Structures are given as structure tokens and as C-alpha cells.
PDB file of N, CA and C in Angstrom:
ATOM      1  N   UNK A   1     -46.579 -94.408  51.698  1.00  0.00           N
ATOM      2  CA  UNK A   1     -46.653 -92.625  51.336  1.00  0.00           C
ATOM      3  C   UNK A   1     -45.680 -91.904  51.346  1.00  0.00           C
ATOM      4  N   UNK A   2     -45.412 -91.467  49.785  1.00  0.00           N
ATOM      5  CA  UNK A   2     -44.541 -90.663  50.050  1.00  0.00           C
ATOM      6  C   UNK A   2     -44.152 -89.524  50.694  1.00  0.00           C
ATOM      7  N   UNK A   3     -43.280 -88.837  51.428  1.00  0.00           N
ATOM      8  CA  UNK A   3     -43.047 -88.010  52.692  1.00  0.00           C
ATOM      9  C   UNK A   3     -42.105 -86.808  52.778  1.00  0.00           C
ATOM     10  N   UNK A   4     -42.131 -86.147  52.672  1.00  0.00           N
ATOM     11  CA  UNK A   4     -40.978 -84.506  52.790  1.00  0.00           C
ATOM     12  C   UNK A   4     -40.950 -83.771  53.627  1.00  0.00           C
ATOM     13  N   UNK A   5     -40.232 -83.106  54.336  1.00  0.00           N
ATOM     14  CA  UNK A   5     -39.965 -81.959  54.686  1.00  0.00           C
ATOM     15  C   UNK A   5     -39.033 -80.740  54.237  1.00  0.00           C
ATOM     16  N   UNK A   6     -39.457 -79.387  54.787  1.00  0.00           N
ATOM     17  CA  UNK A   6     -38.591 -78.105  54.513  1.00  0.00           C
ATOM     18  C   UNK A   6     -38.587 -77.469  55.399  1.00  0.00           C
ATOM     19  N   UNK A   7     -37.654 -76.973  55.965  1.00  0.00           N
ATOM     20  CA  UNK A   7     -37.430 -76.219  57.017  1.00  0.00           C
ATOM     21  C   UNK A   7     -36.926 -74.570  56.839  1.00  0.00           C
ATOM     22  N   UNK A   8     -37.839 -73.612  56.962  1.00  0.00           N
ATOM     23  CA  UNK A   8     -38.018 -72.892  56.437  1.00  0.00           C
ATOM     24  C   UNK A   8     -37.358 -71.530  57.434  1.00  0.00           C
ATOM     25  N   UNK A   9     -36.493 -70.743  57.181  1.00  0.00           N
ATOM     26  CA  UNK A   9     -36.263 -69.593  57.910  1.00  0.00           C
ATOM     27  C   UNK A   9     -37.235 -68.507  57.915  1.00  0.00           C
ATOM     28  N   UNK A  10     -37.736 -67.653  58.879  1.00  0.00           N
ATOM     29  CA  UNK A  10     -38.568 -66.611  59.186  1.00  0.00           C
ATOM     30  C   UNK A  10     -38.875 -66.218  60.377  1.00  0.00           C
ATOM     31  N   UNK A  11     -38.862 -65.117  60.534  1.00  0.00           N
ATOM     32  CA  UNK A  11     -39.627 -64.551  62.109  1.00  0.00           C
ATOM     33  C   UNK A  11     -41.175 -65.031  62.081  1.00  0.00           C
ATOM     34  N   UNK A  12     -41.564 -65.393  60.868  1.00  0.00           N
ATOM     35  CA  UNK A  12     -43.386 -64.935  61.303  1.00  0.00           C
ATOM     36  C   UNK A  12     -43.887 -66.650  61.286  1.00  0.00           C
ATOM     37  N   UNK A  13     -43.119 -67.785  61.285  1.00  0.00           N
ATOM     38  CA  UNK A  13     -43.103 -68.654  61.428  1.00  0.00           C
ATOM     39  C   UNK A  13     -44.587 -69.122  61.899  1.00  0.00           C
ATOM     40  N   UNK A  14     -45.215 -68.744  62.920  1.00  0.00           N
ATOM     41  CA  UNK A  14     -46.208 -68.721  64.043  1.00  0.00           C
ATOM     42  C   UNK A  14     -47.514 -68.210  63.222  1.00  0.00           C
ATOM     43  N   UNK A  15     -47.276 -67.252  61.844  1.00  0.00           N
ATOM     44  CA  UNK A  15     -47.957 -66.205  61.481  1.00  0.00           C
ATOM     45  C   UNK A  15     -49.118 -66.859  60.080  1.00  0.00           C
ATOM     46  N   UNK A  16     -47.559 -67.466  59.442  1.00  0.00           N
ATOM     47  CA  UNK A  16     -48.005 -68.090  58.494  1.00  0.00           C
ATOM     48  C   UNK A  16     -48.341 -69.656  58.727  1.00  0.00           C
ATOM     49  N   UNK A  17     -47.902 -70.204  59.682  1.00  0.00           N
ATOM     50  CA  UNK A  17     -48.697 -71.389  60.142  1.00  0.00           C
ATOM     51  C   UNK A  17     -50.136 -71.130  60.010  1.00  0.00           C
ATOM     52  N   UNK A  18     -50.899 -70.215  61.133  1.00  0.00           N
ATOM     53  CA  UNK A  18     -52.187 -70.304  60.971  1.00  0.00           C
ATOM     54  C   UNK A  18     -52.812 -69.175  60.223  1.00  0.00           C
ATOM     55  N   UNK A  19     -52.326 -68.857  58.973  1.00  0.00           N
ATOM     56  CA  UNK A  19     -52.828 -68.227  57.953  1.00  0.00           C
ATOM     57  C   UNK A  19     -53.406 -69.523  56.842  1.00  0.00           C
ATOM     58  N   UNK A  20     -52.257 -70.474  56.625  1.00  0.00           N
ATOM     59  CA  UNK A  20     -52.681 -71.956  55.898  1.00  0.00           C
ATOM     60  C   UNK A  20     -53.639 -72.416  56.573  1.00  0.00           C
ATOM     61  N   UNK A  21     -53.767 -72.546  57.677  1.00  0.00           N
ATOM     62  CA  UNK A  21     -54.249 -73.606  58.409  1.00  0.00           C
ATOM     63  C   UNK A  21     -55.973 -73.298  58.459  1.00  0.00           C
ATOM     64  N   UNK A  22     -55.985 -71.517  58.728  1.00  0.00           N
ATOM     65  CA  UNK A  22     -57.081 -71.287  58.917  1.00  0.00           C
ATOM     66  C   UNK A  22     -57.937 -70.917  57.186  1.00  0.00           C
ATOM     67  N   UNK A  23     -56.962 -70.614  56.187  1.00  0.00           N
ATOM     68  CA  UNK A  23     -56.849 -70.345  54.883  1.00  0.00           C
ATOM     69  C   UNK A  23     -57.823 -71.980  54.369  1.00  0.00           C
ATOM     70  N   UNK A  24     -57.313 -72.834  54.899  1.00  0.00           N
ATOM     71  CA  UNK A  24     -58.116 -74.535  54.506  1.00  0.00           C
ATOM     72  C   UNK A  24     -59.103 -75.272  55.391  1.00  0.00           C
ATOM     73  N   UNK A  25     -59.174 -74.629  56.673  1.00  0.00           N
ATOM     74  CA  UNK A  25     -59.842 -74.914  56.960  1.00  0.00           C
ATOM     75  C   UNK A  25     -61.309 -74.846  57.215  1.00  0.00           C
ATOM     76  N   UNK A  26     -61.679 -74.393  55.929  1.00  0.00           N
ATOM     77  CA  UNK A  26     -63.260 -74.097  55.259  1.00  0.00           C
ATOM     78  C   UNK A  26     -63.215 -75.179  54.396  1.00  0.00           C
ATOM     79  N   UNK A  27     -62.124 -76.003  53.931  1.00  0.00           N
ATOM     80  CA  UNK A  27     -62.588 -76.888  53.184  1.00  0.00           C
ATOM     81  C   UNK A  27     -62.246 -78.495  53.657  1.00  0.00           C
ATOM     82  N   UNK A  28     -61.030 -78.377  54.905  1.00  0.00           N
ATOM     83  CA  UNK A  28     -60.317 -79.624  55.108  1.00  0.00           C
ATOM     84  C   UNK A  28     -60.603 -79.336  56.213  1.00  0.00           C
ATOM     85  N   UNK A  29     -60.024 -80.751  57.350  1.00  0.00           N
ATOM     86  CA  UNK A  29     -60.100 -81.132  58.864  1.00  0.00           C
ATOM     87  C   UNK A  29     -58.543 -80.486  59.029  1.00  0.00           C
ATOM     88  N   UNK A  30     -58.537 -79.328  60.233  1.00  0.00           N
ATOM     89  CA  UNK A  30     -57.499 -78.707  60.442  1.00  0.00           C
ATOM     90  C   UNK A  30     -57.257 -79.083  61.354  1.00  0.00           C
ATOM     91  N   UNK A  31     -56.502 -79.045  62.663  1.00  0.00           N
ATOM     92  CA  UNK A  31     -56.387 -78.739  63.847  1.00  0.00           C
ATOM     93  C   UNK A  31     -55.643 -78.053  64.365  1.00  0.00           C
ATOM     94  N   UNK A  32     -54.942 -76.643  64.995  1.00  0.00           N
ATOM     95  CA  UNK A  32     -53.685 -76.119  65.023  1.00  0.00           C
ATOM     96  C   UNK A  32     -53.670 -75.171  66.522  1.00  0.00           C
ATOM     97  N   UNK A  33     -52.342 -74.662  66.286  1.00  0.00           N
ATOM     98  CA  UNK A  33     -52.195 -73.691  67.320  1.00  0.00           C
ATOM     99  C   UNK A  33     -51.559 -73.405  67.082  1.00  0.00           C
ATOM    100  N   UNK A  34     -51.097 -71.897  67.989  1.00  0.00           N
ATOM    101  CA  UNK A  34     -49.829 -71.037  67.492  1.00  0.00           C
ATOM    102  C   UNK A  34     -48.423 -71.917  67.056  1.00  0.00           C
ATOM    103  N   UNK A  35     -47.855 -72.837  67.638  1.00  0.00           N
ATOM    104  CA  UNK A  35     -47.011 -73.729  67.154  1.00  0.00           C
ATOM    105  C   UNK A  35     -46.930 -74.983  66.473  1.00  0.00           C
ATOM    106  N   UNK A  36     -48.462 -75.022  65.952  1.00  0.00           N
ATOM    107  CA  UNK A  36     -48.066 -76.875  65.599  1.00  0.00           C
ATOM    108  C   UNK A  36     -49.576 -76.899  64.504  1.00  0.00           C
ATOM    109  N   UNK A  37     -49.809 -77.403  63.775  1.00  0.00           N
ATOM    110  CA  UNK A  37     -50.929 -77.846  62.668  1.00  0.00           C
ATOM    111  C   UNK A  37     -50.662 -78.920  61.637  1.00  0.00           C
ATOM    112  N   UNK A  38     -51.752 -79.149  61.819  1.00  0.00           N
ATOM    113  CA  UNK A  38     -51.788 -80.253  60.691  1.00  0.00           C
ATOM    114  C   UNK A  38     -53.091 -80.321  60.198  1.00  0.00           C
ATOM    115  N   UNK A  39     -52.867 -80.546  58.833  1.00  0.00           N
ATOM    116  CA  UNK A  39     -54.199 -80.073  57.180  1.00  0.00           C
ATOM    117  C   UNK A  39     -54.450 -81.501  57.250  1.00  0.00           C
ATOM    118  N   UNK A  40     -55.377 -82.365  56.912  1.00  0.00           N
ATOM    119  CA  UNK A  40     -55.894 -83.607  56.435  1.00  0.00           C
ATOM    120  C   UNK A  40     -56.298 -83.282  55.229  1.00  0.00           C
ATOM    121  N   UNK A  41     -55.955 -83.403  54.008  1.00  0.00           N
ATOM    122  CA  UNK A  41     -56.916 -82.666  52.852  1.00  0.00           C
ATOM    123  C   UNK A  41     -57.270 -84.197  51.707  1.00  0.00           C
ATOM    124  N   UNK A  42     -57.401 -84.993  52.841  1.00  0.00           N
ATOM    125  CA  UNK A  42     -58.405 -86.595  52.410  1.00  0.00           C
ATOM    126  C   UNK A  42     -57.206 -87.294  51.390  1.00  0.00           C
ATOM    127  N   UNK A  43     -57.704 -88.079  50.790  1.00  0.00           N
ATOM    128  CA  UNK A  43     -56.607 -88.985  50.281  1.00  0.00           C
ATOM    129  C   UNK A  43     -55.483 -89.371  50.572  1.00  0.00           C
ATOM    130  N   UNK A  44     -55.099 -89.365  51.374  1.00  0.00           N
ATOM    131  CA  UNK A  44     -54.216 -90.028  52.012  1.00  0.00           C
ATOM    132  C   UNK A  44     -52.794 -88.571  52.317  1.00  0.00           C
ATOM    133  N   UNK A  45     -53.529 -87.421  51.878  1.00  0.00           N
ATOM    134  CA  UNK A  45     -52.680 -86.261  52.127  1.00  0.00           C
ATOM    135  C   UNK A  45     -52.545 -85.552  52.865  1.00  0.00           C
ATOM    136  N   UNK A  46     -51.749 -84.965  53.820  1.00  0.00           N
ATOM    137  CA  UNK A  46     -51.219 -84.551  54.916  1.00  0.00           C
ATOM    138  C   UNK A  46     -49.721 -83.766  55.091  1.00  0.00           C
ATOM    139  N   UNK A  47     -50.508 -82.393  55.657  1.00  0.00           N
ATOM    140  CA  UNK A  47     -49.494 -81.692  55.841  1.00  0.00           C
ATOM    141  C   UNK A  47     -49.579 -80.781  57.289  1.00  0.00           C
ATOM    142  N   UNK A  48     -48.537 -81.187  57.441  1.00  0.00           N
ATOM    143  CA  UNK A  48     -47.619 -80.765  59.040  1.00  0.00           C
ATOM    144  C   UNK A  48     -47.084 -79.347  59.352  1.00  0.00           C
ATOM    145  N   UNK A  49     -47.243 -79.113  60.471  1.00  0.00           N
ATOM    146  CA  UNK A  49     -46.521 -77.625  60.498  1.00  0.00           C
ATOM    147  C   UNK A  49     -46.004 -77.137  62.229  1.00  0.00           C
ATOM    148  N   UNK A  50     -44.694 -76.926  62.210  1.00  0.00           N
ATOM    149  CA  UNK A  50     -44.281 -76.369  62.805  1.00  0.00           C
ATOM    150  C   UNK A  50     -43.361 -75.317  63.203  1.00  0.00           C
ATOM    151  N   UNK A  51     -44.057 -73.960  64.081  1.00  0.00           N
ATOM    152  CA  UNK A  51     -43.281 -72.971  64.147  1.00  0.00           C
ATOM    153  C   UNK A  51     -42.488 -72.610  65.296  1.00  0.00           C
ATOM    154  N   UNK A  52     -41.600 -72.089  65.298  1.00  0.00           N
ATOM    155  CA  UNK A  52     -40.878 -71.581  66.793  1.00  0.00           C
ATOM    156  C   UNK A  52     -40.352 -70.377  66.231  1.00  0.00           C
ATOM    157  N   UNK A  53     -39.449 -69.335  66.932  1.00  0.00           N
ATOM    158  CA  UNK A  53     -38.903 -68.398  66.966  1.00  0.00           C
ATOM    159  C   UNK A  53     -38.350 -68.177  65.551  1.00  0.00           C
ATOM    160  N   UNK A  54     -37.628 -69.181  64.761  1.00  0.00           N
ATOM    161  CA  UNK A  54     -36.881 -68.509  63.641  1.00  0.00           C
ATOM    162  C   UNK A  54     -37.372 -69.450  62.013  1.00  0.00           C
ATOM    163  N   UNK A  55     -37.847 -70.330  62.947  1.00  0.00           N
ATOM    164  CA  UNK A  55     -38.415 -70.842  61.856  1.00  0.00           C
ATOM    165  C   UNK A  55     -39.705 -72.077  61.375  1.00  0.00           C
ATOM    166  N   UNK A  56     -40.101 -72.427  60.169  1.00  0.00           N
ATOM    167  CA  UNK A  56     -41.275 -72.423  59.985  1.00  0.00           C
ATOM    168  C   UNK A  56     -41.255 -74.117  59.378  1.00  0.00           C
ATOM    169  N   UNK A  57     -41.213 -75.373  59.983  1.00  0.00           N
ATOM    170  CA  UNK A  57     -41.127 -76.434  59.720  1.00  0.00           C
ATOM    171  C   UNK A  57     -42.272 -76.981  58.818  1.00  0.00           C
ATOM    172  N   UNK A  58     -42.596 -77.164  57.463  1.00  0.00           N
ATOM    173  CA  UNK A  58     -43.462 -78.234  56.985  1.00  0.00           C
ATOM    174  C   UNK A  58     -43.163 -79.499  56.524  1.00  0.00           C
ATOM    175  N   UNK A  59     -44.076 -80.312  56.597  1.00  0.00           N
ATOM    176  CA  UNK A  59     -43.947 -81.675  56.163  1.00  0.00           C
ATOM    177  C   UNK A  59     -45.368 -82.250  55.499  1.00  0.00           C
ATOM    178  N   UNK A  60     -44.570 -82.806  54.363  1.00  0.00           N
ATOM    179  CA  UNK A  60     -46.165 -83.129  53.773  1.00  0.00           C
ATOM    180  C   UNK A  60     -45.972 -84.623  53.224  1.00  0.00           C
ATOM    181  N   UNK A  61     -47.072 -85.413  53.538  1.00  0.00           N
ATOM    182  CA  UNK A  61     -47.353 -86.938  53.045  1.00  0.00           C
ATOM    183  C   UNK A  61     -48.531 -86.891  51.532  1.00  0.00           C
ATOM    184  N   UNK A  62     -47.932 -87.621  50.861  1.00  0.00           N
ATOM    185  CA  UNK A  62     -48.605 -87.073  49.737  1.00  0.00           C
ATOM    186  C   UNK A  62     -48.176 -88.409  48.605  1.00  0.00           C
ATOM    187  N   UNK A  63     -48.937 -88.887  47.931  1.00  0.00           N
ATOM    188  CA  UNK A  63     -48.479 -89.912  46.323  1.00  0.00           C
ATOM    189  C   UNK A  63     -48.231 -89.135  45.715  1.00  0.00           C
ATOM    190  N   UNK A  64     -48.822 -87.813  45.626  1.00  0.00           N
ATOM    191  CA  UNK A  64     -48.488 -86.518  44.362  1.00  0.00           C
ATOM    192  C   UNK A  64     -47.572 -85.580  45.021  1.00  0.00           C
ATOM    193  N   UNK A  65     -46.595 -86.713  45.565  1.00  0.00           N
ATOM    194  CA  UNK A  65     -45.315 -85.167  46.482  1.00  0.00           C
ATOM    195  C   UNK A  65     -45.095 -84.256  45.761  1.00  0.00           C
ATOM    196  N   UNK A  66     -44.557 -83.922  44.523  1.00  0.00           N
ATOM    197  CA  UNK A  66     -44.167 -82.852  43.860  1.00  0.00           C
ATOM    198  C   UNK A  66     -44.716 -81.461  44.250  1.00  0.00           C
ATOM    199  N   UNK A  67     -46.307 -82.136  43.196  1.00  0.00           N
ATOM    200  CA  UNK A  67     -47.618 -81.380  43.246  1.00  0.00           C
ATOM    201  C   UNK A  67     -47.791 -80.564  44.276  1.00  0.00           C
ATOM    202  N   UNK A  68     -48.068 -81.415  45.693  1.00  0.00           N
ATOM    203  CA  UNK A  68     -48.440 -81.061  46.958  1.00  0.00           C
ATOM    204  C   UNK A  68     -47.129 -80.081  47.792  1.00  0.00           C
ATOM    205  N   UNK A  69     -45.924 -80.342  47.185  1.00  0.00           N
ATOM    206  CA  UNK A  69     -45.150 -79.463  48.079  1.00  0.00           C
ATOM    207  C   UNK A  69     -45.092 -78.309  46.681  1.00  0.00           C
ATOM    208  N   UNK A  70     -45.302 -78.011  45.935  1.00  0.00           N
ATOM    209  CA  UNK A  70     -45.892 -76.416  45.598  1.00  0.00           C
ATOM    210  C   UNK A  70     -46.771 -76.070  45.245  1.00  0.00           C
ATOM    211  N   UNK A  71     -48.062 -76.641  46.285  1.00  0.00           N
ATOM    212  CA  UNK A  71     -49.526 -76.258  46.391  1.00  0.00           C
ATOM    213  C   UNK A  71     -49.245 -75.617  47.668  1.00  0.00           C
ATOM    214  N   UNK A  72     -48.174 -76.007  48.472  1.00  0.00           N
ATOM    215  CA  UNK A  72     -48.389 -75.718  50.019  1.00  0.00           C
ATOM    216  C   UNK A  72     -47.205 -74.111  49.836  1.00  0.00           C
ATOM    217  N   UNK A  73     -46.433 -74.352  49.303  1.00  0.00           N
ATOM    218  CA  UNK A  73     -45.334 -73.301  49.087  1.00  0.00           C
ATOM    219  C   UNK A  73     -46.263 -72.210  48.420  1.00  0.00           C
ATOM    220  N   UNK A  74     -46.769 -72.479  47.087  1.00  0.00           N
ATOM    221  CA  UNK A  74     -47.437 -71.236  46.083  1.00  0.00           C
ATOM    222  C   UNK A  74     -48.212 -70.278  47.513  1.00  0.00           C
ATOM    223  N   UNK A  75     -49.166 -71.410  48.994  1.00  0.00           N
ATOM    224  CA  UNK A  75     -50.260 -70.488  49.607  1.00  0.00           C
ATOM    225  C   UNK A  75     -49.071 -69.808  50.700  1.00  0.00           C
ATOM    226  N   UNK A  76     -48.212 -70.567  51.390  1.00  0.00           N
ATOM    227  CA  UNK A  76     -47.379 -69.671  51.965  1.00  0.00           C
ATOM    228  C   UNK A  76     -46.720 -67.993  51.687  1.00  0.00           C
ATOM    229  N   UNK A  77     -46.006 -68.900  50.328  1.00  0.00           N
ATOM    230  CA  UNK A  77     -45.699 -67.570  49.699  1.00  0.00           C
ATOM    231  C   UNK A  77     -46.766 -66.162  49.303  1.00  0.00           C
ATOM    232  N   UNK A  78     -47.731 -66.862  49.118  1.00  0.00           N
ATOM    233  CA  UNK A  78     -48.785 -65.849  49.038  1.00  0.00           C
ATOM    234  C   UNK A  78     -49.169 -64.763  50.114  1.00  0.00           C
ATOM    235  N   UNK A  79     -48.838 -65.328  51.438  1.00  0.00           N
ATOM    236  CA  UNK A  79     -49.268 -64.949  52.909  1.00  0.00           C
ATOM    237  C   UNK A  79     -47.564 -64.072  53.196  1.00  0.00           C
ATOM    238  N   UNK A  80     -46.825 -64.854  52.650  1.00  0.00           N
ATOM    239  CA  UNK A  80     -45.450 -63.798  53.018  1.00  0.00           C
ATOM    240  C   UNK A  80     -44.835 -63.171  51.918  1.00  0.00           C
ATOM    241  N   UNK A  81     -45.747 -62.723  51.383  1.00  0.00           N
ATOM    242  CA  UNK A  81     -45.035 -61.767  49.929  1.00  0.00           C
ATOM    243  C   UNK A  81     -44.358 -60.443  50.668  1.00  0.00           C
ATOM    244  N   UNK A  82     -44.193 -60.339  51.682  1.00  0.00           N
ATOM    245  CA  UNK A  82     -43.094 -58.739  52.753  1.00  0.00           C
ATOM    246  C   UNK A  82     -41.590 -59.491  52.542  1.00  0.00           C
ATOM    247  N   UNK A  83     -41.777 -61.168  51.937  1.00  0.00           N
ATOM    248  CA  UNK A  83     -40.090 -61.453  52.548  1.00  0.00           C
ATOM    249  C   UNK A  83     -40.164 -62.569  51.410  1.00  0.00           C
ATOM    250  N   UNK A  84     -39.254 -63.019  51.184  1.00  0.00           N
ATOM    251  CA  UNK A  84     -38.662 -64.059  50.224  1.00  0.00           C
ATOM    252  C   UNK A  84     -38.352 -65.533  51.376  1.00  0.00           C
ATOM    253  N   UNK A  85     -39.181 -66.400  51.120  1.00  0.00           N
ATOM    254  CA  UNK A  85     -38.736 -67.725  51.799  1.00  0.00           C
ATOM    255  C   UNK A  85     -38.004 -68.702  50.784  1.00  0.00           C
ATOM    256  N   UNK A  86     -37.373 -69.721  51.502  1.00  0.00           N
ATOM    257  CA  UNK A  86     -36.770 -70.744  50.687  1.00  0.00           C
ATOM    258  C   UNK A  86     -37.410 -71.636  51.417  1.00  0.00           C
ATOM    259  N   UNK A  87     -37.394 -72.557  50.277  1.00  0.00           N
ATOM    260  CA  UNK A  87     -37.988 -74.279  50.661  1.00  0.00           C
ATOM    261  C   UNK A  87     -37.184 -74.772  49.843  1.00  0.00           C
ATOM    262  N   UNK A  88     -36.592 -75.680  50.921  1.00  0.00           N
ATOM    263  CA  UNK A  88     -35.610 -76.812  50.792  1.00  0.00           C
ATOM    264  C   UNK A  88     -35.947 -78.163  50.777  1.00  0.00           C
ATOM    265  N   UNK A  89     -37.001 -78.441  49.966  1.00  0.00           N
ATOM    266  CA  UNK A  89     -37.624 -79.866  50.179  1.00  0.00           C
ATOM    267  C   UNK A  89     -36.727 -81.059  50.629  1.00  0.00           C
ATOM    268  N   UNK A  90     -37.029 -81.884  51.306  1.00  0.00           N
ATOM    269  CA  UNK A  90     -36.055 -83.405  51.383  1.00  0.00           C
ATOM    270  C   UNK A  90     -37.132 -84.490  51.613  1.00  0.00           C
ATOM    271  N   UNK A  91     -36.765 -85.522  50.832  1.00  0.00           N
ATOM    272  CA  UNK A  91     -37.608 -86.556  50.917  1.00  0.00           C
ATOM    273  C   UNK A  91     -36.724 -87.400  52.063  1.00  0.00           C
ATOM    274  N   UNK A  92     -37.845 -87.863  53.272  1.00  0.00           N
ATOM    275  CA  UNK A  92     -37.691 -88.708  54.670  1.00  0.00           C
ATOM    276  C   UNK A  92     -38.312 -89.846  54.407  1.00  0.00           C
TER     277      UNK A  92
END
């Protein structure tokens, strides 16, 4: 399964991690804490998140990798409307 990762500079990493996990917990299997999260979107699609004081790290695993990367970005950007986030995806 194709995988990619992005490290995003933000002082609000934990907030965005928790917002995304809570948002998707109504439809998908989600497990999270303030510093780590895992969202199982089904069909082999998984989003793993890690937060520290300065960085949100997002790992995506999916057959339709570019589409899933954009879905994750779109959601997080909505939560982060007060700041401009930069996602530099790289395949792993």
C-alpha cells in the first residue's frame, strides 16, 4: 500500500490532531490522545498523526494516495483557518 508523510509547522498541532480525530470518530474507527492519533478509514486507508510543541506529523496510507492526502489537508486547513499551513508530502 502506498504511504506518504508530511511534517507541518504549527504551535497548534495537538489541537488539530484532536479536532480531526473527533471529526472522523463519528464515521470511522479512531484512537487518539493529545499527542498521537490513528484513523482507520477502511479499505486499507489509514491516517496516523503525531503532535509535539511545534510540529504536526501526518502519515497517510492508501491506494488513492494523492486523493487521501488532499482530503486530510482540506480538513485540517478548515480547522486552522487562522494560520496558513504548509504540507510537503513525501512518499515513504
